[in-house]
Amino acid sequence: MGGHLEHGEQPEKAMKREAKEETGLEVRVHQVIDVMTWSDRNKALSVLYHCEASSRDAEAQDDLQEVKWVSPDEIKEFVHEDEEERLEEREEQAKFLEKVRKSPF
């Protein structure tokens, strides 16, 4: 899931707004996991957040085609090839995924 900041919008508020627009879910933002630049893609800045959803009743809205809950071990099957590499190469993302794997659900 991704999106853009509206003029003057705080990044955390944008995350909450995008989650609501794209899934119908309210989310609580816990922390920033990683921040990355995309020099090859419109010189954008991406912020990866750890969020907690208000429920598991997500519905694909806006520009999403599907919403699916997956385990940390399955996530690589559902992300773009570039993102898959970053999950292993970026230390903060790898540490976060490991922490989630160990968490009881």
PDB file of N, CA and C in Angstrom:
ATOM      1  N   MET A   1       0.856  -1.157   0.000  1.00  0.00           N
ATOM      2  CA  MET A   1       0.000   0.000   0.000  1.00  0.00           C
ATOM      3  C   MET A   1       0.904   1.222   0.000  1.00  0.00           C
ATOM      4  N   GLY A   2       0.540   2.204  -0.749  1.00  0.00           N
ATOM      5  CA  GLY A   2       1.337   3.411  -0.798  1.00  0.00           C
ATOM      6  C   GLY A   2       0.466   4.603  -1.096  1.00  0.00           C
ATOM      7  N   GLY A   3       1.079   5.743  -1.089  1.00  0.00           N
ATOM      8  CA  GLY A   3       0.325   6.954  -1.377  1.00  0.00           C
ATOM      9  C   GLY A   3       1.232   8.157  -1.394  1.00  0.00           C
ATOM     10  N   HIS A   4       0.616   9.308  -1.421  1.00  0.00           N
ATOM     11  CA  HIS A   4       1.349  10.559  -1.482  1.00  0.00           C
ATOM     12  C   HIS A   4       0.872  11.495  -0.381  1.00  0.00           C
ATOM     13  N   LEU A   5       1.767  12.359   0.043  1.00  0.00           N
ATOM     14  CA  LEU A   5       1.408  13.392   1.006  1.00  0.00           C
ATOM     15  C   LEU A   5       0.606  14.486   0.313  1.00  0.00           C
ATOM     16  N   GLU A   6      -0.418  14.960   0.978  1.00  0.00           N
ATOM     17  CA  GLU A   6      -1.112  16.142   0.489  1.00  0.00           C
ATOM     18  C   GLU A   6      -0.332  17.350   0.996  1.00  0.00           C
ATOM     19  N   HIS A   7      -0.456  18.484   0.335  1.00  0.00           N
ATOM     20  CA  HIS A   7       0.297  19.675   0.718  1.00  0.00           C
ATOM     21  C   HIS A   7       0.103  19.983   2.211  1.00  0.00           C
ATOM     22  N   GLY A   8       1.209  20.068   2.939  1.00  0.00           N
ATOM     23  CA  GLY A   8       1.168  20.398   4.357  1.00  0.00           C
ATOM     24  C   GLY A   8       0.806  19.248   5.281  1.00  0.00           C
ATOM     25  N   GLU A   9       0.585  18.057   4.740  1.00  0.00           N
ATOM     26  CA  GLU A   9       0.165  16.905   5.542  1.00  0.00           C
ATOM     27  C   GLU A   9       1.353  16.262   6.242  1.00  0.00           C
ATOM     28  N   GLN A  10       1.174  15.870   7.484  1.00  0.00           N
ATOM     29  CA  GLN A  10       2.207  15.156   8.223  1.00  0.00           C
ATOM     30  C   GLN A  10       2.246  13.705   7.746  1.00  0.00           C
ATOM     31  N   PRO A  11       3.459  13.124   7.612  1.00  0.00           N
ATOM     32  CA  PRO A  11       3.574  11.753   7.089  1.00  0.00           C
ATOM     33  C   PRO A  11       2.743  10.715   7.855  1.00  0.00           C
ATOM     34  N   GLU A  12       2.723  10.772   9.172  1.00  0.00           N
ATOM     35  CA  GLU A  12       1.946   9.787   9.940  1.00  0.00           C
ATOM     36  C   GLU A  12       0.450   9.919   9.655  1.00  0.00           C
ATOM     37  N   LYS A  13      -0.033  11.130   9.516  1.00  0.00           N
ATOM     38  CA  LYS A  13      -1.449  11.336   9.185  1.00  0.00           C
ATOM     39  C   LYS A  13      -1.750  10.846   7.776  1.00  0.00           C
ATOM     40  N   ALA A  14      -0.786  11.017   6.869  1.00  0.00           N
ATOM     41  CA  ALA A  14      -0.965  10.508   5.506  1.00  0.00           C
ATOM     42  C   ALA A  14      -1.066   8.981   5.526  1.00  0.00           C
ATOM     43  N   MET A  15      -0.260   8.331   6.348  1.00  0.00           N
ATOM     44  CA  MET A  15      -0.313   6.864   6.454  1.00  0.00           C
ATOM     45  C   MET A  15      -1.699   6.420   6.906  1.00  0.00           C
ATOM     46  N   LYS A  16      -2.224   7.066   7.927  1.00  0.00           N
ATOM     47  CA  LYS A  16      -3.555   6.724   8.425  1.00  0.00           C
ATOM     48  C   LYS A  16      -4.626   6.973   7.364  1.00  0.00           C
ATOM     49  N   ARG A  17      -4.516   8.107   6.656  1.00  0.00           N
ATOM     50  CA  ARG A  17      -5.489   8.443   5.617  1.00  0.00           C
ATOM     51  C   ARG A  17      -5.441   7.429   4.479  1.00  0.00           C
ATOM     52  N   GLU A  18      -4.232   7.094   4.025  1.00  0.00           N
ATOM     53  CA  GLU A  18      -4.084   6.134   2.927  1.00  0.00           C
ATOM     54  C   GLU A  18      -4.625   4.757   3.317  1.00  0.00           C
ATOM     55  N   ALA A  19      -4.357   4.314   4.540  1.00  0.00           N
ATOM     56  CA  ALA A  19      -4.876   3.017   4.991  1.00  0.00           C
ATOM     57  C   ALA A  19      -6.403   3.019   4.951  1.00  0.00           C
ATOM     58  N   LYS A  20      -7.008   4.098   5.417  1.00  0.00           N
ATOM     59  CA  LYS A  20      -8.468   4.202   5.426  1.00  0.00           C
ATOM     60  C   LYS A  20      -9.019   4.235   3.996  1.00  0.00           C
ATOM     61  N   GLU A  21      -8.394   5.032   3.125  1.00  0.00           N
ATOM     62  CA  GLU A  21      -8.866   5.147   1.744  1.00  0.00           C
ATOM     63  C   GLU A  21      -8.726   3.843   0.972  1.00  0.00           C
ATOM     64  N   GLU A  22      -7.638   3.110   1.216  1.00  0.00           N
ATOM     65  CA  GLU A  22      -7.350   1.934   0.398  1.00  0.00           C
ATOM     66  C   GLU A  22      -7.886   0.626   0.970  1.00  0.00           C
ATOM     67  N   THR A  23      -8.143   0.577   2.296  1.00  0.00           N
ATOM     68  CA  THR A  23      -8.608  -0.675   2.900  1.00  0.00           C
ATOM     69  C   THR A  23      -9.872  -0.522   3.735  1.00  0.00           C
ATOM     70  N   GLY A  24     -10.230   0.711   4.051  1.00  0.00           N
ATOM     71  CA  GLY A  24     -11.380   0.950   4.925  1.00  0.00           C
ATOM     72  C   GLY A  24     -11.044   0.815   6.396  1.00  0.00           C
ATOM     73  N   LEU A  25      -9.796   0.527   6.723  1.00  0.00           N
ATOM     74  CA  LEU A  25      -9.391   0.298   8.107  1.00  0.00           C
ATOM     75  C   LEU A  25      -8.773   1.530   8.763  1.00  0.00           C
ATOM     76  N   GLU A  26      -9.075   1.695  10.029  1.00  0.00           N
ATOM     77  CA  GLU A  26      -8.371   2.670  10.860  1.00  0.00           C
ATOM     78  C   GLU A  26      -7.088   1.975  11.322  1.00  0.00           C
ATOM     79  N   VAL A  27      -5.965   2.689  11.334  1.00  0.00           N
ATOM     80  CA  VAL A  27      -4.722   2.107  11.812  1.00  0.00           C
ATOM     81  C   VAL A  27      -4.091   3.003  12.860  1.00  0.00           C
ATOM     82  N   ARG A  28      -3.362   2.363  13.739  1.00  0.00           N
ATOM     83  CA  ARG A  28      -2.545   3.067  14.729  1.00  0.00           C
ATOM     84  C   ARG A  28      -1.100   2.908  14.275  1.00  0.00           C
ATOM     85  N   VAL A  29      -0.397   4.010  14.130  1.00  0.00           N
ATOM     86  CA  VAL A  29       0.995   3.977  13.692  1.00  0.00           C
ATOM     87  C   VAL A  29       1.869   3.823  14.926  1.00  0.00           C
ATOM     88  N   HIS A  30       2.661   2.736  14.954  1.00  0.00           N
ATOM     89  CA  HIS A  30       3.536   2.488  16.099  1.00  0.00           C
ATOM     90  C   HIS A  30       4.910   3.125  15.934  1.00  0.00           C
ATOM     91  N   GLN A  31       5.524   2.944  14.773  1.00  0.00           N
ATOM     92  CA  GLN A  31       6.876   3.463  14.590  1.00  0.00           C
ATOM     93  C   GLN A  31       7.258   3.451  13.118  1.00  0.00           C
ATOM     94  N   VAL A  32       8.303   4.205  12.813  1.00  0.00           N
ATOM     95  CA  VAL A  32       8.905   4.162  11.485  1.00  0.00           C
ATOM     96  C   VAL A  32       9.896   3.009  11.479  1.00  0.00           C
ATOM     97  N   ILE A  33       9.804   2.138  10.493  1.00  0.00           N
ATOM     98  CA  ILE A  33      10.719   1.008  10.360  1.00  0.00           C
ATOM     99  C   ILE A  33      11.926   1.398   9.515  1.00  0.00           C
ATOM    100  N   ASP A  34      11.680   2.097   8.411  1.00  0.00           N
ATOM    101  CA  ASP A  34      12.764   2.446   7.496  1.00  0.00           C
ATOM    102  C   ASP A  34      12.327   3.626   6.641  1.00  0.00           C
ATOM    103  N   VAL A  35      13.308   4.363   6.144  1.00  0.00           N
ATOM    104  CA  VAL A  35      13.078   5.458   5.214  1.00  0.00           C
ATOM    105  C   VAL A  35      14.029   5.247   4.039  1.00  0.00           C
ATOM    106  N   MET A  36      13.490   5.303   2.827  1.00  0.00           N
ATOM    107  CA  MET A  36      14.294   5.023   1.628  1.00  0.00           C
ATOM    108  C   MET A  36      14.027   6.059   0.556  1.00  0.00           C
ATOM    109  N   THR A  37      15.033   6.325  -0.249  1.00  0.00           N
ATOM    110  CA  THR A  37      14.856   7.195  -1.414  1.00  0.00           C
ATOM    111  C   THR A  37      14.699   6.331  -2.651  1.00  0.00           C
ATOM    112  N   TRP A  38      14.061   6.896  -3.647  1.00  0.00           N
ATOM    113  CA  TRP A  38      13.840   6.221  -4.924  1.00  0.00           C
ATOM    114  C   TRP A  38      14.321   7.155  -6.030  1.00  0.00           C
ATOM    115  N   SER A  39      15.607   7.207  -6.250  1.00  0.00           N
ATOM    116  CA  SER A  39      16.138   8.112  -7.265  1.00  0.00           C
ATOM    117  C   SER A  39      15.716   7.702  -8.665  1.00  0.00           C
ATOM    118  N   ASP A  40      15.448   6.420  -8.862  1.00  0.00           N
ATOM    119  CA  ASP A  40      15.044   5.958 -10.190  1.00  0.00           C
ATOM    120  C   ASP A  40      13.544   6.073 -10.423  1.00  0.00           C
ATOM    121  N   ARG A  41      12.787   6.410  -9.402  1.00  0.00           N
ATOM    122  CA  ARG A  41      11.325   6.524  -9.516  1.00  0.00           C
ATOM    123  C   ARG A  41      10.868   7.901  -9.063  1.00  0.00           C
ATOM    124  N   ASN A  42      10.933   8.863  -9.900  1.00  0.00           N
ATOM    125  CA  ASN A  42      10.424  10.202  -9.611  1.00  0.00           C
ATOM    126  C   ASN A  42      11.049  10.855  -8.375  1.00  0.00           C
ATOM    127  N   LYS A  43      12.222  10.413  -8.001  1.00  0.00           N
ATOM    128  CA  LYS A  43      12.937  11.002  -6.857  1.00  0.00           C
ATOM    129  C   LYS A  43      12.038  11.091  -5.622  1.00  0.00           C
ATOM    130  N   ALA A  44      11.437   9.993  -5.271  1.00  0.00           N
ATOM    131  CA  ALA A  44      10.506   9.943  -4.149  1.00  0.00           C
ATOM    132  C   ALA A  44      11.198   9.459  -2.880  1.00  0.00           C
ATOM    133  N   LEU A  45      10.555   9.698  -1.764  1.00  0.00           N
ATOM    134  CA  LEU A  45      10.992   9.225  -0.461  1.00  0.00           C
ATOM    135  C   LEU A  45       9.912   8.292   0.064  1.00  0.00           C
ATOM    136  N   SER A  46      10.287   7.087   0.471  1.00  0.00           N
ATOM    137  CA  SER A  46       9.330   6.126   1.025  1.00  0.00           C
ATOM    138  C   SER A  46       9.586   5.953   2.510  1.00  0.00           C
ATOM    139  N   VAL A  47       8.497   5.918   3.259  1.00  0.00           N
ATOM    140  CA  VAL A  47       8.579   5.692   4.702  1.00  0.00           C
ATOM    141  C   VAL A  47       7.811   4.411   4.992  1.00  0.00           C
ATOM    142  N   LEU A  48       8.481   3.444   5.606  1.00  0.00           N
ATOM    143  CA  LEU A  48       7.857   2.173   5.952  1.00  0.00           C
ATOM    144  C   LEU A  48       7.468   2.220   7.432  1.00  0.00           C
ATOM    145  N   TYR A  49       6.169   2.074   7.699  1.00  0.00           N
ATOM    146  CA  TYR A  49       5.650   2.161   9.056  1.00  0.00           C
ATOM    147  C   TYR A  49       5.232   0.796   9.599  1.00  0.00           C
ATOM    148  N   HIS A  50       5.324   0.644  10.906  1.00  0.00           N
ATOM    149  CA  HIS A  50       4.706  -0.474  11.614  1.00  0.00           C
ATOM    150  C   HIS A  50       3.368   0.057  12.112  1.00  0.00           C
ATOM    151  N   CYS A  51       2.275  -0.520  11.607  1.00  0.00           N
ATOM    152  CA  CYS A  51       0.928  -0.089  11.976  1.00  0.00           C
ATOM    153  C   CYS A  51       0.125  -1.263  12.516  1.00  0.00           C
ATOM    154  N   GLU A  52      -0.857  -0.933  13.318  1.00  0.00           N
ATOM    155  CA  GLU A  52      -1.787  -1.932  13.838  1.00  0.00           C
ATOM    156  C   GLU A  52      -3.183  -1.564  13.351  1.00  0.00           C
ATOM    157  N   ALA A  53      -3.844  -2.499  12.695  1.00  0.00           N
ATOM    158  CA  ALA A  53      -5.181  -2.255  12.148  1.00  0.00           C
ATOM    159  C   ALA A  53      -6.241  -2.426  13.223  1.00  0.00           C
ATOM    160  N   SER A  54      -7.331  -1.691  13.074  1.00  0.00           N
ATOM    161  CA  SER A  54      -8.438  -1.747  14.019  1.00  0.00           C
ATOM    162  C   SER A  54      -9.192  -3.070  13.942  1.00  0.00           C
ATOM    163  N   SER A  55      -9.101  -3.749  12.808  1.00  0.00           N
ATOM    164  CA  SER A  55      -9.740  -5.055  12.628  1.00  0.00           C
ATOM    165  C   SER A  55      -9.067  -5.760  11.457  1.00  0.00           C
ATOM    166  N   ARG A  56      -9.536  -6.959  11.159  1.00  0.00           N
ATOM    167  CA  ARG A  56      -9.009  -7.702  10.008  1.00  0.00           C
ATOM    168  C   ARG A  56      -9.992  -7.669   8.837  1.00  0.00           C
ATOM    169  N   ASP A  57     -10.994  -6.805   8.927  1.00  0.00           N
ATOM    170  CA  ASP A  57     -12.045  -6.728   7.912  1.00  0.00           C
ATOM    171  C   ASP A  57     -11.701  -5.713   6.824  1.00  0.00           C
ATOM    172  N   ALA A  58     -10.562  -5.881   6.199  1.00  0.00           N
ATOM    173  CA  ALA A  58     -10.129  -4.967   5.143  1.00  0.00           C
ATOM    174  C   ALA A  58     -10.834  -5.287   3.832  1.00  0.00           C
ATOM    175  N   GLU A  59     -11.105  -4.242   3.055  1.00  0.00           N
ATOM    176  CA  GLU A  59     -11.684  -4.396   1.731  1.00  0.00           C
ATOM    177  C   GLU A  59     -10.878  -3.552   0.754  1.00  0.00           C
ATOM    178  N   ALA A  60     -10.558  -4.115  -0.393  1.00  0.00           N
ATOM    179  CA  ALA A  60      -9.820  -3.363  -1.412  1.00  0.00           C
ATOM    180  C   ALA A  60     -10.675  -2.202  -1.890  1.00  0.00           C
ATOM    181  N   GLN A  61     -10.137  -1.004  -1.758  1.00  0.00           N
ATOM    182  CA  GLN A  61     -10.827   0.210  -2.189  1.00  0.00           C
ATOM    183  C   GLN A  61      -9.839   1.065  -2.966  1.00  0.00           C
ATOM    184  N   ASP A  62     -10.297   2.181  -3.452  1.00  0.00           N
ATOM    185  CA  ASP A  62      -9.458   3.143  -4.157  1.00  0.00           C
ATOM    186  C   ASP A  62      -8.733   2.443  -5.304  1.00  0.00           C
ATOM    187  N   ASP A  63      -7.399   2.363  -5.265  1.00  0.00           N
ATOM    188  CA  ASP A  63      -6.663   1.757  -6.383  1.00  0.00           C
ATOM    189  C   ASP A  63      -6.129   0.357  -6.087  1.00  0.00           C
ATOM    190  N   LEU A  64      -6.529  -0.230  -4.967  1.00  0.00           N
ATOM    191  CA  LEU A  64      -6.105  -1.602  -4.663  1.00  0.00           C
ATOM    192  C   LEU A  64      -7.004  -2.609  -5.377  1.00  0.00           C
ATOM    193  N   GLN A  65      -6.404  -3.704  -5.813  1.00  0.00           N
ATOM    194  CA  GLN A  65      -7.185  -4.769  -6.428  1.00  0.00           C
ATOM    195  C   GLN A  65      -7.559  -5.835  -5.411  1.00  0.00           C
ATOM    196  N   GLU A  66      -6.708  -6.012  -4.381  1.00  0.00           N
ATOM    197  CA  GLU A  66      -6.934  -7.068  -3.403  1.00  0.00           C
ATOM    198  C   GLU A  66      -6.248  -6.703  -2.089  1.00  0.00           C
ATOM    199  N   VAL A  67      -6.825  -7.136  -0.985  1.00  0.00           N
ATOM    200  CA  VAL A  67      -6.205  -7.016   0.331  1.00  0.00           C
ATOM    201  C   VAL A  67      -6.109  -8.423   0.894  1.00  0.00           C
ATOM    202  N   LYS A  68      -4.935  -8.775   1.380  1.00  0.00           N
ATOM    203  CA  LYS A  68      -4.744 -10.128   1.904  1.00  0.00           C
ATOM    204  C   LYS A  68      -3.803 -10.056   3.100  1.00  0.00           C
ATOM    205  N   TRP A  69      -4.177 -10.715   4.191  1.00  0.00           N
ATOM    206  CA  TRP A  69      -3.306 -10.812   5.364  1.00  0.00           C
ATOM    207  C   TRP A  69      -2.347 -11.972   5.133  1.00  0.00           C
ATOM    208  N   VAL A  70      -1.049 -11.716   5.295  1.00  0.00           N
ATOM    209  CA  VAL A  70      -0.043 -12.761   5.088  1.00  0.00           C
ATOM    210  C   VAL A  70       0.927 -12.782   6.258  1.00  0.00           C
ATOM    211  N   SER A  71       1.559 -13.923   6.451  1.00  0.00           N
ATOM    212  CA  SER A  71       2.565 -14.052   7.500  1.00  0.00           C
ATOM    213  C   SER A  71       3.877 -13.428   7.025  1.00  0.00           C
ATOM    214  N   PRO A  72       4.793 -13.119   7.933  1.00  0.00           N
ATOM    215  CA  PRO A  72       6.094 -12.574   7.522  1.00  0.00           C
ATOM    216  C   PRO A  72       6.827 -13.484   6.535  1.00  0.00           C
ATOM    217  N   ASP A  73       6.644 -14.789   6.661  1.00  0.00           N
ATOM    218  CA  ASP A  73       7.321 -15.718   5.754  1.00  0.00           C
ATOM    219  C   ASP A  73       6.718 -15.713   4.348  1.00  0.00           C
ATOM    220  N   GLU A  74       5.484 -15.253   4.215  1.00  0.00           N
ATOM    221  CA  GLU A  74       4.809 -15.219   2.913  1.00  0.00           C
ATOM    222  C   GLU A  74       4.956 -13.876   2.194  1.00  0.00           C
ATOM    223  N   ILE A  75       5.399 -12.861   2.904  1.00  0.00           N
ATOM    224  CA  ILE A  75       5.349 -11.497   2.366  1.00  0.00           C
ATOM    225  C   ILE A  75       6.102 -11.337   1.050  1.00  0.00           C
ATOM    226  N   LYS A  76       7.205 -12.045   0.889  1.00  0.00           N
ATOM    227  CA  LYS A  76       8.008 -11.905  -0.328  1.00  0.00           C
ATOM    228  C   LYS A  76       7.257 -12.346  -1.581  1.00  0.00           C
ATOM    229  N   GLU A  77       6.249 -13.185  -1.417  1.00  0.00           N
ATOM    230  CA  GLU A  77       5.458 -13.642  -2.559  1.00  0.00           C
ATOM    231  C   GLU A  77       4.534 -12.541  -3.092  1.00  0.00           C
ATOM    232  N   PHE A  78       4.346 -11.479  -2.302  1.00  0.00           N
ATOM    233  CA  PHE A  78       3.346 -10.473  -2.647  1.00  0.00           C
ATOM    234  C   PHE A  78       3.912  -9.079  -2.886  1.00  0.00           C
ATOM    235  N   VAL A  79       5.227  -8.941  -2.907  1.00  0.00           N
ATOM    236  CA  VAL A  79       5.827  -7.628  -3.132  1.00  0.00           C
ATOM    237  C   VAL A  79       6.606  -7.618  -4.448  1.00  0.00           C
ATOM    238  N   HIS A  80       6.865  -6.432  -4.938  1.00  0.00           N
ATOM    239  CA  HIS A  80       7.654  -6.255  -6.167  1.00  0.00           C
ATOM    240  C   HIS A  80       9.060  -6.800  -5.934  1.00  0.00           C
ATOM    241  N   GLU A  81       9.694  -7.239  -6.987  1.00  0.00           N
ATOM    242  CA  GLU A  81      11.042  -7.822  -6.934  1.00  0.00           C
ATOM    243  C   GLU A  81      12.044  -6.917  -6.205  1.00  0.00           C
ATOM    244  N   ASP A  82      12.013  -5.608  -6.472  1.00  0.00           N
ATOM    245  CA  ASP A  82      12.917  -4.667  -5.793  1.00  0.00           C
ATOM    246  C   ASP A  82      12.660  -4.641  -4.285  1.00  0.00           C
ATOM    247  N   GLU A  83      11.392  -4.695  -3.903  1.00  0.00           N
ATOM    248  CA  GLU A  83      11.042  -4.667  -2.487  1.00  0.00           C
ATOM    249  C   GLU A  83      11.466  -5.963  -1.795  1.00  0.00           C
ATOM    250  N   GLU A  84      11.371  -7.068  -2.509  1.00  0.00           N
ATOM    251  CA  GLU A  84      11.807  -8.357  -1.962  1.00  0.00           C
ATOM    252  C   GLU A  84      13.285  -8.304  -1.582  1.00  0.00           C
ATOM    253  N   GLU A  85      14.113  -7.738  -2.443  1.00  0.00           N
ATOM    254  CA  GLU A  85      15.545  -7.617  -2.158  1.00  0.00           C
ATOM    255  C   GLU A  85      15.787  -6.732  -0.937  1.00  0.00           C
ATOM    256  N   ARG A  86      15.043  -5.636  -0.845  1.00  0.00           N
ATOM    257  CA  ARG A  86      15.220  -4.725   0.294  1.00  0.00           C
ATOM    258  C   ARG A  86      14.849  -5.379   1.618  1.00  0.00           C
ATOM    259  N   LEU A  87      13.869  -6.271   1.613  1.00  0.00           N
ATOM    260  CA  LEU A  87      13.479  -6.944   2.850  1.00  0.00           C
ATOM    261  C   LEU A  87      14.648  -7.712   3.458  1.00  0.00           C
ATOM    262  N   GLU A  88      15.539  -8.182   2.629  1.00  0.00           N
ATOM    263  CA  GLU A  88      16.698  -8.925   3.113  1.00  0.00           C
ATOM    264  C   GLU A  88      17.908  -8.016   3.322  1.00  0.00           C
ATOM    265  N   GLU A  89      18.079  -7.022   2.459  1.00  0.00           N
ATOM    266  CA  GLU A  89      19.280  -6.196   2.478  1.00  0.00           C
ATOM    267  C   GLU A  89      19.228  -5.043   3.469  1.00  0.00           C
ATOM    268  N   ARG A  90      18.059  -4.481   3.708  1.00  0.00           N
ATOM    269  CA  ARG A  90      17.940  -3.337   4.609  1.00  0.00           C
ATOM    270  C   ARG A  90      17.824  -3.852   6.030  1.00  0.00           C
ATOM    271  N   GLU A  91      18.800  -3.532   6.848  1.00  0.00           N
ATOM    272  CA  GLU A  91      18.907  -4.086   8.199  1.00  0.00           C
ATOM    273  C   GLU A  91      17.653  -3.853   9.043  1.00  0.00           C
ATOM    274  N   GLU A  92      17.109  -2.648   9.018  1.00  0.00           N
ATOM    275  CA  GLU A  92      15.944  -2.344   9.851  1.00  0.00           C
ATOM    276  C   GLU A  92      14.719  -3.155   9.426  1.00  0.00           C
ATOM    277  N   GLN A  93      14.546  -3.359   8.122  1.00  0.00           N
ATOM    278  CA  GLN A  93      13.416  -4.152   7.656  1.00  0.00           C
ATOM    279  C   GLN A  93      13.592  -5.620   8.040  1.00  0.00           C
ATOM    280  N   ALA A  94      14.788  -6.133   7.876  1.00  0.00           N
ATOM    281  CA  ALA A  94      15.059  -7.531   8.231  1.00  0.00           C
ATOM    282  C   ALA A  94      14.856  -7.760   9.726  1.00  0.00           C
ATOM    283  N   LYS A  95      15.317  -6.826  10.561  1.00  0.00           N
ATOM    284  CA  LYS A  95      15.151  -6.962  12.014  1.00  0.00           C
ATOM    285  C   LYS A  95      13.679  -6.905  12.396  1.00  0.00           C
ATOM    286  N   PHE A  96      12.921  -6.028  11.750  1.00  0.00           N
ATOM    287  CA  PHE A  96      11.503  -5.933  12.057  1.00  0.00           C
ATOM    288  C   PHE A  96      10.767  -7.216  11.679  1.00  0.00           C
ATOM    289  N   LEU A  97      11.039  -7.745  10.490  1.00  0.00           N
ATOM    290  CA  LEU A  97      10.395  -8.998  10.082  1.00  0.00           C
ATOM    291  C   LEU A  97      10.725 -10.137  11.039  1.00  0.00           C
ATOM    292  N   GLU A  98      11.951 -10.192  11.498  1.00  0.00           N
ATOM    293  CA  GLU A  98      12.338 -11.229  12.454  1.00  0.00           C
ATOM    294  C   GLU A  98      11.572 -11.065  13.772  1.00  0.00           C
ATOM    295  N   LYS A  99      11.416  -9.848  14.213  1.00  0.00           N
ATOM    296  CA  LYS A  99      10.655  -9.570  15.438  1.00  0.00           C
ATOM    297  C   LYS A  99       9.194 -10.018  15.281  1.00  0.00           C
ATOM    298  N   VAL A 100       8.604  -9.738  14.127  1.00  0.00           N
ATOM    299  CA  VAL A 100       7.216 -10.135  13.875  1.00  0.00           C
ATOM    300  C   VAL A 100       7.098 -11.653  13.817  1.00  0.00           C
ATOM    301  N   ARG A 101       8.071 -12.311  13.209  1.00  0.00           N
ATOM    302  CA  ARG A 101       8.044 -13.788  13.139  1.00  0.00           C
ATOM    303  C   ARG A 101       7.980 -14.411  14.540  1.00  0.00           C
ATOM    304  N   LYS A 102       8.651 -13.794  15.499  1.00  0.00           N
ATOM    305  CA  LYS A 102       8.713 -14.330  16.855  1.00  0.00           C
ATOM    306  C   LYS A 102       7.516 -13.940  17.716  1.00  0.00           C
ATOM    307  N   SER A 103       6.698 -13.011  17.230  1.00  0.00           N
ATOM    308  CA  SER A 103       5.556 -12.538  18.011  1.00  0.00           C
ATOM    309  C   SER A 103       4.408 -13.544  17.954  1.00  0.00           C
ATOM    310  N   PRO A 104       3.727 -13.740  19.076  1.00  0.00           N
ATOM    311  CA  PRO A 104       2.565 -14.637  19.062  1.00  0.00           C
ATOM    312  C   PRO A 104       1.356 -13.913  18.443  1.00  0.00           C
ATOM    313  N   PHE A 105       0.592 -14.630  17.633  1.00  0.00           N
ATOM    314  CA  PHE A 105      -0.607 -14.053  17.032  1.00  0.00           C
ATOM    315  C   PHE A 105      -1.803 -14.847  17.428  1.00  0.00           C
TER     316      PHE A 105
END
